[in-house]
Amino acid sequence: MTATSSVNGSQLISIIMPTFQHGHCISRSIQSVLDQTYESWELIIIDNHSVDNTSDIVLSFKDPRIKYLKFPNNGIIAASRNHGVLISKGDWIAFLDSDDWWEQSKLQASMQFANNKNADIVYHDLFLAKHPKQKFFLSKARGREINGSVFENLLTHGNALFNSSVMVKKEILEKVGGISEEKSKVSWEDFDCWLKISRVTNKFFYLNVPLGYYWVGGGNTSTPKVILENTSSIENSYQVFFANSLHKPFWLGNGRGKAFLELRMYDQAIAEFKSIDGRIMTYAEWLRFHFRIAQSYTMKYKEYVLSFFKNI
């Protein structure tokens, strides 16, 4: 371990926080880092030239472990994250979006777990935050334990790692060339990164406890159009894997089917749901599958009936 990668004998964790126009919420994210019980960290904030009060908020924090720089990412958030990783000094990289925040024990628990498991990457659950002044949190973004081939599991059952929960060895990120900056992967570049990492290691370990908060109250919700674009991009990027199956995994067909339902494209939705491979469904997925099929036909014929009576 180099002198730059440790503080008082503890492994240094480099926290990468890209931001843009988040002056209204970034203070909470930064404070959650300052409150960590694990003190061997550096926080690298990469600002895509915000024109709100982001700069004033960040510079109001005087801790020397915080590094703030402005970096033009041209709409590719992966470029900001990669730049942060490039200038980081830690052996470990943790990601934190500037509208998310952590529990005080996040870094301590993650590092202890990583060392105990000899992990290359660790991740955990996050509470879902929907309101700025929310006091009670019940809903969670849940990860899952992955056994066997991580690569096959992720493509068969979908993403299990939420960006603001992940801590990964820097050398592993460097080995896979960092996060993709391809425009076709914008908004799913994190999933692509986990897939690339799973090609070089299976040492993914899931800490089954919520250690942070994932903001879903607005500003980061995918539209049906984006979901359809993303799923098509995923299929194209990993077409060799999907070509070996006659049917889609549940997470992929369900995501596309729900998007078509929201667009009131019922026949396309039904076709997507029917393309799902029932042989690899969990029981919960099987229940959701039959619900989606029934929902699709109900919505389709309800619209037909309403249209019929409207024209009488």
Protein backbone atom coordinates (compact mmCIF):
# COMPACT_ATOMS: atom_id res chain seq x y z
CA MET A 1 0.00 0.00 0.00
CA THR A 2 1.42 3.39 -0.94
CA ALA A 3 1.67 6.37 1.39
CA THR A 4 -0.97 8.19 -0.67
CA SER A 5 -3.46 5.38 -0.30
CA SER A 6 -3.68 5.19 3.48
CA VAL A 7 -4.41 7.48 6.39
CA ASN A 8 -3.25 6.43 9.86
CA GLY A 9 -2.95 2.86 8.61
CA SER A 10 -6.53 2.71 7.28
CA GLN A 11 -7.26 2.15 3.61
CA LEU A 12 -8.16 5.37 1.85
CA ILE A 13 -11.57 5.44 0.14
CA SER A 14 -11.99 7.92 -2.71
CA ILE A 15 -15.60 9.07 -2.96
CA ILE A 16 -16.60 10.25 -6.42
CA MET A 17 -19.50 12.73 -6.56
CA PRO A 18 -20.45 14.21 -9.95
CA THR A 19 -22.89 17.11 -9.80
CA PHE A 20 -24.79 19.62 -11.90
CA GLN A 21 -27.28 22.22 -10.69
CA HIS A 22 -27.69 20.48 -7.34
CA GLY A 23 -27.11 23.42 -5.03
CA HIS A 24 -30.48 22.70 -3.43
CA CYS A 25 -29.48 19.21 -2.22
CA ILE A 26 -25.72 18.66 -2.38
CA SER A 27 -25.18 19.95 1.17
CA ARG A 28 -27.00 16.91 2.56
CA SER A 29 -24.83 14.55 0.49
CA ILE A 30 -21.57 16.21 1.58
CA GLN A 31 -22.62 16.31 5.24
CA SER A 32 -23.37 12.58 5.14
CA VAL A 33 -19.73 12.01 4.12
CA LEU A 34 -18.40 14.29 6.86
CA ASP A 35 -20.50 12.36 9.40
CA GLN A 36 -18.89 9.01 8.53
CA THR A 37 -17.45 7.00 11.40
CA TYR A 38 -14.71 5.87 8.99
CA GLU A 39 -12.41 8.86 8.59
CA SER A 40 -9.90 7.71 5.96
CA TRP A 41 -11.55 9.17 2.87
CA GLU A 42 -11.30 11.87 0.25
CA LEU A 43 -14.36 13.37 -1.43
CA ILE A 44 -13.88 14.40 -5.04
CA ILE A 45 -16.72 16.59 -6.32
CA ILE A 46 -16.77 17.02 -10.10
CA ASP A 47 -19.05 19.88 -11.12
CA ASN A 48 -20.23 20.07 -14.73
CA HIS A 49 -20.03 23.90 -14.56
CA SER A 50 -23.25 24.46 -12.60
CA VAL A 51 -24.65 27.99 -12.78
CA ASP A 52 -26.73 27.78 -9.60
CA ASN A 53 -25.29 28.06 -6.08
CA THR A 54 -23.56 24.66 -6.14
CA SER A 55 -20.10 26.23 -5.97
CA ASP A 56 -21.00 28.41 -2.96
CA ILE A 57 -22.46 25.44 -1.11
CA VAL A 58 -19.47 23.18 -1.74
CA LEU A 59 -16.90 25.85 -0.86
CA SER A 60 -18.67 26.52 2.43
CA PHE A 61 -17.33 23.17 3.65
CA LYS A 62 -13.74 23.66 4.82
CA ASP A 63 -12.63 20.05 5.34
CA PRO A 64 -9.29 19.52 3.50
CA ARG A 65 -10.40 16.03 2.48
CA ILE A 66 -12.91 17.61 0.09
CA LYS A 67 -11.62 18.35 -3.41
CA TYR A 68 -13.78 20.43 -5.75
CA LEU A 69 -13.19 20.91 -9.45
CA LYS A 70 -15.15 21.96 -12.50
CA PHE A 71 -15.11 19.62 -15.45
CA PRO A 72 -17.10 19.79 -18.73
CA ASN A 73 -18.59 16.35 -19.34
CA ASN A 74 -20.69 17.26 -22.43
CA GLY A 75 -23.71 15.48 -21.01
CA ILE A 76 -21.81 12.26 -20.27
CA ILE A 77 -21.83 11.79 -16.49
CA ALA A 78 -19.50 8.81 -16.87
CA ALA A 79 -16.80 11.24 -18.04
CA SER A 80 -17.06 13.08 -14.70
CA ARG A 81 -16.83 9.85 -12.74
CA ASN A 82 -13.87 8.62 -14.78
CA HIS A 83 -12.04 11.91 -14.25
CA GLY A 84 -12.65 11.64 -10.52
CA VAL A 85 -11.27 8.11 -10.49
CA LEU A 86 -8.25 9.24 -12.52
CA ILE A 87 -7.17 11.86 -9.97
CA SER A 88 -8.15 9.81 -6.91
CA LYS A 89 -5.55 8.52 -4.45
CA GLY A 90 -7.50 5.74 -2.74
CA ASP A 91 -7.28 2.00 -3.19
CA TRP A 92 -11.08 1.89 -3.08
CA ILE A 93 -13.66 3.92 -5.01
CA ALA A 94 -17.12 4.67 -3.63
CA PHE A 95 -19.76 6.40 -5.71
CA LEU A 96 -22.25 8.89 -4.29
CA ASP A 97 -24.66 10.90 -6.42
CA SER A 98 -25.10 14.48 -5.26
CA ASP A 99 -28.81 14.01 -4.49
CA ASP A 100 -28.26 10.79 -2.49
CA TRP A 101 -26.80 10.47 1.00
CA TRP A 102 -25.42 7.84 3.37
CA GLU A 103 -25.87 6.51 6.87
CA GLN A 104 -22.96 7.36 9.21
CA SER A 105 -21.76 3.74 9.24
CA LYS A 106 -21.76 3.28 5.45
CA LEU A 107 -18.00 3.38 4.84
CA GLN A 108 -17.05 1.57 8.05
CA ALA A 109 -19.49 -1.27 7.37
CA SER A 110 -18.52 -1.52 3.70
CA MET A 111 -14.78 -1.62 4.39
CA GLN A 112 -15.09 -4.16 7.19
CA PHE A 113 -17.33 -6.34 5.02
CA ALA A 114 -14.98 -6.05 2.03
CA ASN A 115 -11.98 -7.08 4.10
CA ASN A 116 -13.82 -9.98 5.73
CA LYS A 117 -14.98 -11.31 2.36
CA ASN A 118 -11.81 -10.50 0.40
CA ALA A 119 -14.15 -8.68 -1.98
CA ASP A 120 -13.40 -6.73 -5.13
CA ILE A 121 -16.75 -4.95 -5.04
CA VAL A 122 -19.41 -4.57 -2.33
CA TYR A 123 -22.92 -3.11 -2.45
CA HIS A 124 -25.99 -2.82 -0.26
CA ASP A 125 -29.63 -1.71 -0.10
CA LEU A 126 -30.75 1.92 -0.14
CA PHE A 127 -33.86 3.51 1.33
CA LEU A 128 -36.02 5.27 -1.26
CA ALA A 129 -36.46 8.98 -0.53
CA LYS A 130 -39.44 10.64 -2.20
CA HIS A 131 -39.97 13.87 -0.24
CA PRO A 132 -37.43 16.55 0.84
CA LYS A 133 -38.59 16.50 4.48
CA GLN A 134 -39.31 12.77 4.70
CA LYS A 135 -38.75 11.40 8.20
CA PHE A 136 -39.73 7.74 7.87
CA PHE A 137 -38.37 5.37 5.24
CA LEU A 138 -39.97 2.02 4.49
CA SER A 139 -39.46 1.37 0.78
CA LYS A 140 -36.06 0.16 -0.35
CA ALA A 141 -34.04 -0.29 -3.48
CA ARG A 142 -33.04 -3.87 -2.79
CA GLY A 143 -29.95 -5.60 -4.04
CA ARG A 144 -29.54 -9.36 -3.96
CA GLU A 145 -26.90 -11.96 -3.25
CA ILE A 146 -25.35 -13.33 -6.43
CA ASN A 147 -24.08 -16.87 -6.67
CA GLY A 148 -22.27 -18.48 -9.56
CA SER A 149 -21.44 -16.40 -12.62
CA VAL A 150 -22.14 -12.76 -11.80
CA PHE A 151 -22.16 -11.87 -15.50
CA GLU A 152 -24.87 -14.41 -16.32
CA ASN A 153 -26.87 -13.54 -13.20
CA LEU A 154 -26.94 -9.82 -13.98
CA LEU A 155 -28.09 -10.38 -17.55
CA THR A 156 -30.60 -13.04 -16.51
CA HIS A 157 -32.12 -11.25 -13.50
CA GLY A 158 -31.18 -7.60 -14.04
CA ASN A 159 -29.10 -5.02 -12.19
CA ALA A 160 -28.58 -5.67 -8.47
CA LEU A 161 -26.15 -2.85 -7.69
CA PHE A 162 -27.27 0.71 -7.05
CA ASN A 163 -24.64 3.30 -7.87
CA SER A 164 -24.59 5.12 -4.52
CA SER A 165 -24.20 1.81 -2.68
CA VAL A 166 -21.14 0.54 -4.54
CA MET A 167 -17.56 0.43 -3.27
CA VAL A 168 -15.06 -1.13 -5.69
CA LYS A 169 -11.30 -1.59 -5.83
CA LYS A 170 -9.71 1.09 -8.00
CA GLU A 171 -7.46 -1.46 -9.70
CA ILE A 172 -10.53 -3.39 -10.85
CA LEU A 173 -12.10 -0.27 -12.36
CA GLU A 174 -8.85 0.50 -14.13
CA LYS A 175 -8.60 -3.07 -15.39
CA VAL A 176 -11.94 -2.79 -17.25
CA GLY A 177 -11.16 0.66 -18.65
CA GLY A 178 -13.44 2.60 -16.33
CA ILE A 179 -17.05 3.48 -17.04
CA SER A 180 -18.21 3.58 -20.65
CA GLU A 181 -18.63 7.08 -22.09
CA GLU A 182 -20.57 5.88 -25.14
CA LYS A 183 -23.66 8.01 -25.74
CA SER A 184 -25.74 4.87 -26.37
CA LYS A 185 -25.08 3.83 -22.75
CA VAL A 186 -26.01 7.09 -21.04
CA SER A 187 -28.28 6.29 -18.06
CA TRP A 188 -27.28 2.61 -17.93
CA GLU A 189 -23.50 3.03 -17.96
CA ASP A 190 -23.35 1.90 -14.32
CA PHE A 191 -24.99 -1.46 -15.16
CA ASP A 192 -22.60 -1.84 -18.07
CA CYS A 193 -19.70 -1.17 -15.70
CA TRP A 194 -20.80 -3.93 -13.30
CA LEU A 195 -21.12 -6.28 -16.27
CA LYS A 196 -17.60 -5.44 -17.42
CA ILE A 197 -16.26 -5.98 -13.91
CA SER A 198 -18.05 -9.34 -13.71
CA ARG A 199 -15.98 -10.45 -16.71
CA VAL A 200 -12.78 -10.14 -14.66
CA THR A 201 -13.95 -11.09 -11.14
CA ASN A 202 -16.80 -12.87 -9.37
CA LYS A 203 -15.92 -11.32 -6.00
CA PHE A 204 -19.18 -9.36 -5.75
CA PHE A 205 -20.54 -9.31 -2.20
CA TYR A 206 -23.94 -8.04 -1.06
CA LEU A 207 -24.32 -6.45 2.37
CA ASN A 208 -27.98 -7.02 3.21
CA VAL A 209 -28.67 -3.78 5.07
CA PRO A 210 -29.73 -0.27 3.94
CA LEU A 211 -26.79 2.09 4.40
CA GLY A 212 -27.97 5.08 2.40
CA TYR A 213 -30.80 6.95 0.73
CA TYR A 214 -31.65 7.00 -2.97
CA TRP A 215 -33.53 10.11 -4.12
CA VAL A 216 -36.49 9.21 -6.35
CA GLY A 217 -38.54 12.33 -5.67
CA GLY A 218 -37.98 13.83 -9.10
CA GLY A 219 -35.33 14.59 -11.66
CA ASN A 220 -34.01 11.08 -12.21
CA THR A 221 -37.04 9.05 -13.24
CA SER A 222 -36.73 7.27 -16.57
CA THR A 223 -39.44 7.94 -19.13
CA PRO A 224 -40.97 5.09 -21.20
CA LYS A 225 -39.00 6.33 -24.20
CA VAL A 226 -35.72 6.22 -22.28
CA ILE A 227 -36.50 2.74 -20.94
CA LEU A 228 -37.16 1.44 -24.45
CA GLU A 229 -33.95 3.03 -25.74
CA ASN A 230 -31.91 1.63 -22.85
CA THR A 231 -33.23 -1.91 -23.10
CA SER A 232 -32.62 -1.93 -26.86
CA SER A 233 -29.09 -0.68 -26.25
CA ILE A 234 -28.50 -3.41 -23.64
CA GLU A 235 -29.76 -6.09 -26.04
CA ASN A 236 -27.50 -4.78 -28.79
CA SER A 237 -24.46 -4.52 -26.53
CA TYR A 238 -24.86 -8.05 -25.18
CA GLN A 239 -26.54 -9.67 -28.17
CA VAL A 240 -24.32 -12.77 -28.01
CA PHE A 241 -25.72 -13.61 -24.56
CA PHE A 242 -29.33 -12.90 -25.52
CA ALA A 243 -28.99 -14.76 -28.82
CA ASN A 244 -28.51 -17.98 -26.87
CA SER A 245 -32.05 -17.71 -25.48
CA LEU A 246 -35.26 -17.83 -27.51
CA HIS A 247 -37.01 -15.63 -24.97
CA LYS A 248 -36.18 -12.54 -22.95
CA PRO A 249 -35.33 -12.54 -19.22
CA PHE A 250 -38.16 -11.24 -17.04
CA TRP A 251 -36.51 -7.93 -16.10
CA LEU A 252 -35.92 -7.00 -19.74
CA GLY A 253 -39.32 -7.99 -21.14
CA ASN A 254 -41.12 -6.57 -18.11
CA GLY A 255 -39.35 -3.23 -18.41
CA ARG A 256 -40.16 -2.93 -22.09
CA GLY A 257 -43.71 -4.15 -21.59
CA LYS A 258 -44.41 -1.61 -18.84
CA ALA A 259 -43.00 1.16 -21.03
CA PHE A 260 -45.31 0.19 -23.89
CA LEU A 261 -48.26 0.10 -21.47
CA GLU A 262 -47.52 3.67 -20.38
CA LEU A 263 -47.44 4.66 -24.04
CA ARG A 264 -50.81 2.90 -24.53
CA MET A 265 -49.23 0.58 -27.11
CA TYR A 266 -51.06 -2.49 -25.84
CA ASP A 267 -50.30 -5.00 -28.58
CA GLN A 268 -46.57 -4.27 -28.29
CA ALA A 269 -46.82 -4.60 -24.50
CA ILE A 270 -48.54 -7.98 -24.75
CA ALA A 271 -45.94 -9.17 -27.25
CA GLU A 272 -43.12 -8.15 -24.91
CA PHE A 273 -44.65 -9.88 -21.89
CA LYS A 274 -45.24 -13.05 -23.91
CA SER A 275 -41.61 -13.06 -25.04
CA ILE A 276 -40.38 -13.52 -21.45
CA ASP A 277 -38.70 -16.84 -20.71
CA GLY A 278 -40.80 -18.52 -18.02
CA ARG A 279 -38.13 -21.15 -17.36
CA ILE A 280 -35.85 -18.68 -15.57
CA MET A 281 -38.47 -16.77 -13.57
CA THR A 282 -38.51 -16.63 -9.80
CA TYR A 283 -41.90 -17.19 -8.15
CA ALA A 284 -42.27 -13.43 -7.54
CA GLU A 285 -41.48 -12.76 -11.20
CA TRP A 286 -44.01 -15.42 -12.25
CA LEU A 287 -46.73 -13.65 -10.26
CA ARG A 288 -45.81 -10.26 -11.72
CA PHE A 289 -45.71 -11.77 -15.20
CA HIS A 290 -49.31 -13.01 -15.02
CA PHE A 291 -50.43 -9.72 -13.50
CA ARG A 292 -48.85 -7.77 -16.37
CA ILE A 293 -50.49 -9.99 -19.00
CA ALA A 294 -53.91 -9.55 -17.38
CA GLN A 295 -53.32 -5.81 -16.98
CA SER A 296 -52.38 -5.45 -20.65
CA TYR A 297 -55.50 -7.18 -21.95
CA THR A 298 -57.71 -5.29 -19.47
CA MET A 299 -56.34 -1.91 -20.53
CA LYS A 300 -56.52 -2.83 -24.21
CA TYR A 301 -60.16 -3.91 -24.16
CA LYS A 302 -61.20 -1.14 -21.79
CA GLU A 303 -59.99 1.34 -24.37
CA TYR A 304 -61.86 -0.52 -27.11
CA VAL A 305 -65.10 -0.43 -25.10
CA LEU A 306 -64.75 3.23 -24.25
CA SER A 307 -64.03 4.04 -27.89
CA PHE A 308 -67.06 2.02 -29.01
CA PHE A 309 -69.52 3.83 -26.73
CA LYS A 310 -67.99 7.17 -27.55
CA ASN A 311 -68.80 6.65 -31.21
CA ILE A 312 -72.42 5.52 -30.70
